[in-house]
Protein backbone atom coordinates (compact mmCIF):
# COMPACT_ATOMS: atom_id res chain seq x y z
CA HIS A 1 -71.10 10.41 -32.49
CA ASN A 2 -68.80 7.47 -32.24
CA THR A 3 -65.62 7.91 -30.31
CA VAL A 4 -62.26 7.79 -32.02
CA GLN A 5 -60.97 4.26 -32.18
CA GLN A 6 -57.36 3.86 -31.11
CA GLY A 7 -55.14 1.02 -32.25
CA PHE A 8 -51.88 1.39 -30.40
CA SER A 9 -50.15 -1.26 -28.34
CA SER A 10 -47.37 -0.67 -25.85
CA GLY A 11 -44.91 -2.32 -28.24
CA MET A 12 -46.10 -0.11 -31.12
CA ASN A 13 -46.33 -3.10 -33.52
CA THR A 14 -49.17 -3.34 -36.01
CA ASP A 15 -50.10 -5.85 -38.71
CA ALA A 16 -49.96 -4.58 -42.26
CA GLY A 17 -52.85 -6.81 -43.26
CA ARG A 18 -55.35 -5.50 -40.71
CA SER A 19 -58.62 -4.09 -41.99
CA ALA A 20 -59.09 -0.36 -42.45
CA LEU A 21 -59.99 1.60 -39.35
CA PRO A 22 -62.72 4.21 -39.96
CA VAL A 23 -62.66 7.04 -37.48
CA ALA A 24 -65.66 9.20 -36.79
CA LYS A 25 -65.44 12.98 -36.73
CA ASN A 26 -65.47 14.75 -33.40
CA SER A 27 -68.67 16.25 -32.13
CA ALA A 28 -69.23 19.89 -32.94
CA ALA A 29 -69.05 20.73 -29.27
CA GLN A 30 -65.49 19.51 -28.96
CA GLN A 31 -62.94 22.23 -29.58
CA LYS A 32 -60.46 21.48 -32.35
CA GLN A 33 -56.88 21.08 -31.27
CA PRO A 34 -54.34 23.27 -33.05
CA VAL A 35 -51.94 21.54 -35.40
CA VAL A 36 -48.52 21.85 -33.83
CA GLY A 37 -45.35 21.42 -35.82
CA VAL A 38 -46.98 21.38 -39.24
CA ALA A 39 -44.51 22.81 -41.72
CA SER A 40 -43.91 22.56 -45.42
CA CYS A 41 -41.83 19.59 -46.44
CA PHE A 42 -42.50 19.84 -50.15
CA PRO A 43 -39.30 19.31 -52.11
CA THR A 44 -38.53 21.67 -54.97
CA PRO A 45 -38.34 19.61 -58.20
CA ALA A 46 -34.85 19.44 -59.64
CA PRO A 47 -34.15 21.15 -62.97
CA GLY A 48 -35.36 18.96 -65.80
CA SER A 49 -37.64 16.96 -63.51
CA ASP A 50 -40.62 15.33 -65.20
CA VAL A 51 -42.85 16.33 -62.31
CA LYS A 52 -45.49 18.78 -63.47
CA ARG A 53 -46.86 21.24 -60.93
CA ALA A 54 -50.57 21.74 -61.39
CA ARG A 55 -51.68 25.33 -61.79
CA LEU A 56 -53.10 26.51 -58.46
CA SER A 57 -56.56 27.16 -59.75
CA SER A 58 -59.43 25.03 -60.86
CA VAL A 59 -58.75 23.22 -64.10
CA ASN A 60 -62.45 23.22 -64.80
CA GLU A 61 -62.96 24.85 -68.19
CA SER A 62 -65.74 27.11 -67.01
CA ASP A 63 -63.51 28.46 -64.23
CA ASP A 64 -60.75 29.09 -66.77
CA ARG A 65 -63.12 31.11 -68.94
CA GLY A 66 -64.19 33.09 -65.87
CA ARG A 67 -60.61 34.13 -65.11
CA SER A 68 -59.84 35.00 -68.70
CA ALA A 69 -62.98 37.12 -68.79
CA GLY A 70 -61.63 39.24 -65.96
CA GLY A 71 -62.20 37.26 -62.75
CA GLY A 72 -58.47 37.07 -62.09
CA HIS A 73 -58.64 35.62 -58.57
CA ASP A 74 -56.60 32.49 -57.84
CA PRO A 75 -57.74 30.71 -54.65
CA GLY A 76 -54.39 28.90 -54.38
CA PHE A 77 -55.70 25.36 -54.74
CA ILE A 78 -57.67 23.10 -57.05
CA TYR A 79 -60.68 20.91 -56.40
CA LEU A 80 -60.48 17.20 -55.68
CA ARG A 81 -62.80 16.47 -58.59
CA ASP A 82 -60.05 17.84 -60.83
CA VAL A 83 -57.36 15.83 -59.03
CA VAL A 84 -59.36 12.67 -59.71
CA ARG A 85 -59.37 13.52 -63.42
CA MET A 86 -55.66 14.39 -63.35
CA ARG A 87 -54.77 10.93 -62.02
CA SER A 88 -55.94 9.35 -65.27
CA SER A 89 -53.20 11.17 -67.22
CA ASN A 90 -50.46 8.86 -65.83
CA ILE A 91 -48.12 11.85 -65.47
CA LYS A 92 -46.28 12.78 -62.29
CA GLN A 93 -47.83 15.98 -60.98
CA VAL A 94 -47.99 17.98 -57.78
CA CYS A 95 -51.11 19.89 -56.77
CA THR A 96 -52.56 21.71 -53.78
CA VAL A 97 -56.07 21.12 -52.45
CA LYS A 98 -58.03 22.43 -49.49
CA ALA A 99 -59.81 19.60 -47.73
CA THR A 100 -60.75 17.94 -44.48
CA ILE A 101 -60.06 14.36 -43.43
CA LEU A 102 -63.27 12.41 -43.76
CA THR A 103 -61.98 9.25 -42.12
CA LEU A 104 -58.75 7.44 -41.33
CA LEU A 105 -58.32 4.28 -43.39
CA SER A 106 -55.52 2.72 -41.35
CA LYS A 107 -53.80 2.89 -38.03
CA LEU A 108 -50.79 5.10 -37.51
CA GLU A 109 -48.06 2.54 -38.09
CA MET A 110 -44.39 2.47 -37.18
CA LYS A 111 -42.27 0.14 -39.29
CA SER A 112 -39.25 1.43 -41.16
CA ALA A 113 -41.10 4.77 -41.37
CA TRP A 114 -44.33 6.39 -40.18
CA SER A 115 -47.38 5.69 -42.31
CA ILE A 116 -51.12 6.26 -42.29
CA SER A 117 -53.85 6.43 -44.94
CA ALA A 118 -56.92 8.65 -44.96
CA ARG A 119 -59.82 9.74 -47.11
CA ILE A 120 -59.99 13.50 -47.70
CA ASN A 121 -62.98 15.45 -48.97
CA ASP A 122 -63.58 19.01 -50.16
CA GLY A 123 -67.26 18.82 -51.13
CA SER A 124 -66.54 18.22 -54.81
CA SER A 125 -65.11 14.71 -54.43
CA ALA A 126 -63.24 12.40 -52.07
CA LEU A 127 -59.75 10.95 -52.46
CA ASP A 128 -57.82 8.24 -50.60
CA VAL A 129 -54.28 9.35 -49.79
CA ASP A 130 -51.18 8.27 -47.89
CA PHE A 131 -49.27 10.69 -45.65
CA SER A 132 -45.51 10.88 -46.11
CA ASN A 133 -43.11 9.91 -43.36
CA ALA A 134 -41.77 13.50 -43.29
CA VAL A 135 -45.23 14.97 -42.62
CA LEU A 136 -45.99 12.46 -39.87
CA GLU A 137 -42.57 12.87 -38.28
CA ARG A 138 -43.17 16.62 -37.98
CA LEU A 139 -46.56 16.03 -36.37
CA ILE A 140 -45.32 13.37 -33.96
CA GLY A 141 -42.06 15.09 -33.16
CA ILE A 142 -39.79 12.06 -33.31
CA SER A 143 -38.46 9.72 -35.99
CA VAL A 144 -38.90 5.97 -36.16
CA ARG A 145 -35.11 5.57 -36.16
CA ARG A 146 -34.81 7.47 -32.88
CA ILE A 147 -37.45 5.30 -31.24
CA GLN A 148 -35.60 2.17 -32.31
CA GLU A 149 -32.35 3.59 -30.92
CA VAL A 150 -33.91 4.35 -27.53
CA ARG A 151 -35.38 0.86 -27.39
CA ARG A 152 -31.96 -0.69 -27.89
CA GLU A 153 -30.28 1.66 -25.41
CA SER A 154 -32.92 1.05 -22.71
CA ARG A 155 -33.10 -2.74 -22.77
CA ASP A 156 -31.50 -2.93 -19.32
CA ARG A 157 -33.72 -0.16 -17.94
CA PRO A 158 -37.29 -1.46 -18.35
CA GLN A 159 -38.91 1.26 -16.25
CA GLN A 160 -37.28 4.01 -18.29
CA LEU A 161 -38.26 2.24 -21.51
CA GLN A 162 -41.86 1.91 -20.37
CA THR A 163 -42.02 5.63 -19.56
CA PHE A 164 -40.61 6.43 -22.98
CA MET A 165 -43.08 4.16 -24.79
CA ASN A 166 -45.99 5.65 -22.87
CA ASP A 167 -44.89 9.08 -24.07
CA ILE A 168 -44.71 7.80 -27.66
CA LYS A 169 -48.19 6.30 -27.37
CA GLN A 170 -49.52 9.67 -26.20
CA ARG A 171 -47.78 11.43 -29.11
CA LEU A 172 -49.38 9.04 -31.60
CA GLU A 173 -52.82 9.55 -30.14
CA GLN A 174 -52.36 13.32 -30.36
CA CYS A 175 -51.12 13.05 -33.94
CA GLN A 176 -54.13 10.99 -34.95
CA GLN A 177 -56.44 13.51 -33.29
CA GLN A 178 -54.70 16.38 -35.10
CA LEU A 179 -55.19 14.61 -38.42
CA ILE A 180 -58.88 14.13 -37.73
CA ASN A 181 -59.23 17.84 -36.91
CA LEU A 182 -57.33 19.07 -39.97
CA ASP A 183 -59.00 21.58 -42.26
CA SER A 184 -55.99 22.72 -44.25
CA LYS A 185 -54.29 22.83 -47.60
CA PHE A 186 -52.58 19.62 -48.66
CA GLU A 187 -49.80 19.40 -51.20
CA ILE A 188 -50.24 16.09 -52.99
CA ASP A 189 -47.82 14.13 -55.14
CA LEU A 190 -49.59 12.29 -57.96
CA ASP A 191 -47.34 9.43 -59.04
CA PRO A 192 -48.76 6.75 -61.38
CA GLU A 193 -46.47 4.19 -59.74
CA ARG A 194 -48.07 4.68 -56.32
CA CYS A 195 -51.34 3.06 -55.28
CA LYS A 196 -52.48 6.28 -53.61
CA PRO A 197 -51.54 9.96 -53.97
CA LEU A 198 -49.01 11.05 -51.33
CA VAL A 199 -49.52 14.05 -49.03
CA THR A 200 -46.10 15.70 -48.88
CA SER A 201 -46.99 18.87 -46.98
CA ILE A 202 -49.73 20.35 -44.81
CA LEU A 203 -50.20 24.09 -45.05
CA PRO A 204 -52.55 26.30 -42.99
CA PHE A 205 -55.51 27.93 -44.70
CA THR A 206 -54.65 31.59 -44.18
CA LEU A 207 -56.74 34.75 -44.17
CA GLN A 208 -55.22 35.61 -47.53
CA ASP A 209 -56.41 32.27 -48.91
CA CYS A 210 -59.87 32.93 -47.51
CA ARG A 211 -60.04 36.35 -49.16
CA ALA A 212 -58.81 34.96 -52.49
CA LEU A 213 -61.50 32.27 -52.36
CA GLU A 214 -64.13 34.87 -51.48
CA ASN A 215 -63.05 37.03 -54.42
CA THR A 216 -63.24 34.03 -56.75
CA VAL A 217 -66.79 33.25 -55.65
CA LEU A 218 -67.85 36.89 -55.99
CA SER A 219 -66.28 37.03 -59.45
CA GLN A 220 -68.26 33.99 -60.54
CA ILE A 221 -71.48 35.44 -59.15
CA LYS A 222 -70.91 38.70 -61.04
CA LYS A 223 -70.26 36.79 -64.22
CA ILE A 224 -73.50 34.83 -63.83
CA ILE A 225 -75.47 38.03 -63.21
CA THR A 226 -73.84 39.70 -66.25
CA PHE A 227 -74.71 36.86 -68.63
CA SER A 228 -78.21 36.25 -67.24
C-alpha cells in the first residue's frame, strides 16, 4: 500500500489551485485510530425552512414496498445511490448515509476557515463531498481564527511560535488520518447552489444502528423466500 501523502508546510499556506491529492487507505494490519472530538454539528432547520430532510431509509421503491409489507426496520440512513438521484431534484435536502472515505481529494487547508474534500463510498455508489468548517474544527480542536491570533501575538517570540505551529501541524496530520479511517454516518447537506454536497456532521455507527441494519437485511431475505 502507498503511504499517506502529507501536504503541510510550517507556514500552513496552501494553493487553492493545486491538483487533487489522492490518499491511499491504510493497510489492514494498521490499527484504526479512534475519532476524537466528533460530535453532531447539524443545525435544526428553522420553522418554515425550505430544507427537506430525507427520510432515513432507502428511497428505493423496492425497499419501500418491503417496509409496507411488514419489514418495518429503518436502518437510520439511505444509500449513496439514492443521494446521487436526489441531487438532480435541485431541492435543498439533508440526508444521512453510512460510508467510508475512499480517498481525499484535496489537502486540509487553512484560509478563512478549515476545508477539505473527499470521495466517500458505501458500496452502492461514490460521492465527492466537502467537509464543513465546524466538523473539521471539532476534529482538529482549534479554530482558524485562534491560530491567526496566536501568530500575531507571537511575532516577537519566534521559538514559541515555532513550537505552536509544530503542534498545529501534528493536529492536522492526525485529523487527516482520522478522516481516512472513518467508517461512520455522515449527515450531508444537499444544496443545488454548492458544487459538492457538504458534510455537516459525523456520527458514530452504533450497535443499535448495526442491529437495525441486520433486521432490515433479514426482513428482505424473508420477503424473497416468501415470494419465491
